Amino acid sequence: MPQPLSSQQLMFQGEVIKIIDGGGTKMMKINLQPCTIDLTMSMSEELHLGDPVTMEARVMITRVEPAVFID
């Protein structure tokens, strides 16, 4: 992995919209508007469907380049 150019800590707020128990691993789907993220329930066994959540994440930026737009 390339050396990170920058490391940022972010905080997101969302809502648990689905809990899945499959293959011995519980997963939860969190709505972050406009996207969703899937996490293992081991992150927090105390969450229930419809619970509001706050997540902290660390992002390591390894590359930045110009965006390509197609009309």
Protein backbone atom coordinates (compact mmCIF):
# COMPACT_ATOMS: atom_id res chain seq x y z
CA MET A 1 0.00 0.00 0.00
CA PRO A 2 1.36 3.45 -0.90
CA GLN A 3 2.31 5.84 1.88
CA PRO A 4 -0.74 7.98 2.80
CA LEU A 5 -0.72 11.60 1.68
CA SER A 6 -3.08 12.55 4.46
CA SER A 7 -5.05 10.98 7.28
CA GLN A 8 -8.39 12.46 8.35
CA GLN A 9 -10.85 11.53 11.08
CA LEU A 10 -14.50 11.81 10.05
CA MET A 11 -17.80 11.52 11.92
CA PHE A 12 -21.02 10.34 10.26
CA GLN A 13 -24.59 10.20 11.55
CA GLY A 14 -27.12 7.71 10.23
CA GLU A 15 -29.78 5.15 11.13
CA VAL A 16 -29.78 1.35 11.36
CA ILE A 17 -32.18 0.25 8.59
CA LYS A 18 -31.55 -3.51 8.45
CA ILE A 19 -30.07 -6.25 10.63
CA ILE A 20 -28.99 -9.49 8.95
CA ASP A 21 -28.05 -12.73 10.72
CA GLY A 22 -26.36 -14.95 8.17
CA GLY A 23 -23.61 -17.52 8.37
CA GLY A 24 -22.98 -16.90 12.06
CA THR A 25 -22.12 -13.24 11.50
CA LYS A 26 -24.64 -10.52 12.30
CA MET A 27 -24.49 -7.54 9.96
CA MET A 28 -26.23 -4.17 10.08
CA LYS A 29 -27.03 -1.80 7.23
CA ILE A 30 -26.75 1.88 8.14
CA ASN A 31 -28.34 4.63 6.07
CA LEU A 32 -26.01 7.62 5.73
CA GLN A 33 -28.03 9.58 3.12
CA PRO A 34 -27.44 9.35 0.18
CA CYS A 35 -25.64 6.02 0.65
CA THR A 36 -25.63 2.99 2.94
CA ILE A 37 -22.80 1.10 4.61
CA ASP A 38 -22.70 -2.52 5.83
CA LEU A 39 -20.90 -3.26 9.12
CA THR A 40 -20.60 -6.30 11.34
CA MET A 41 -22.76 -6.23 14.44
CA SER A 42 -19.63 -6.87 16.50
CA MET A 43 -19.02 -3.11 16.16
CA SER A 44 -21.98 -2.64 18.56
CA GLU A 45 -24.25 -5.48 19.72
CA GLU A 46 -26.54 -2.95 21.46
CA LEU A 47 -28.00 -1.42 18.27
CA HIS A 48 -31.53 -2.15 17.07
CA LEU A 49 -33.47 -1.48 13.89
CA GLY A 50 -34.30 2.23 13.60
CA ASP A 51 -31.67 3.35 16.13
CA PRO A 52 -29.86 6.58 15.26
CA VAL A 53 -26.08 6.09 15.24
CA THR A 54 -22.90 8.14 15.19
CA MET A 55 -19.83 6.56 13.58
CA GLU A 56 -16.22 7.66 13.73
CA ALA A 57 -13.91 6.66 10.88
CA ARG A 58 -10.33 7.27 9.87
CA VAL A 59 -9.65 7.74 6.16
CA MET A 60 -6.17 7.46 4.67
CA ILE A 61 -5.82 9.27 1.35
CA THR A 62 -3.24 7.56 -0.82
CA ARG A 63 -3.84 9.25 -4.19
CA VAL A 64 -5.52 12.36 -5.57
CA GLU A 65 -5.94 12.90 -9.27
CA PRO A 66 -8.12 14.98 -11.60
CA ALA A 67 -11.69 13.73 -12.08
CA VAL A 68 -12.78 12.66 -15.55
CA PHE A 69 -16.24 13.89 -16.54
CA ILE A 70 -18.07 12.34 -19.50
CA ASP A 71 -20.88 14.35 -21.13
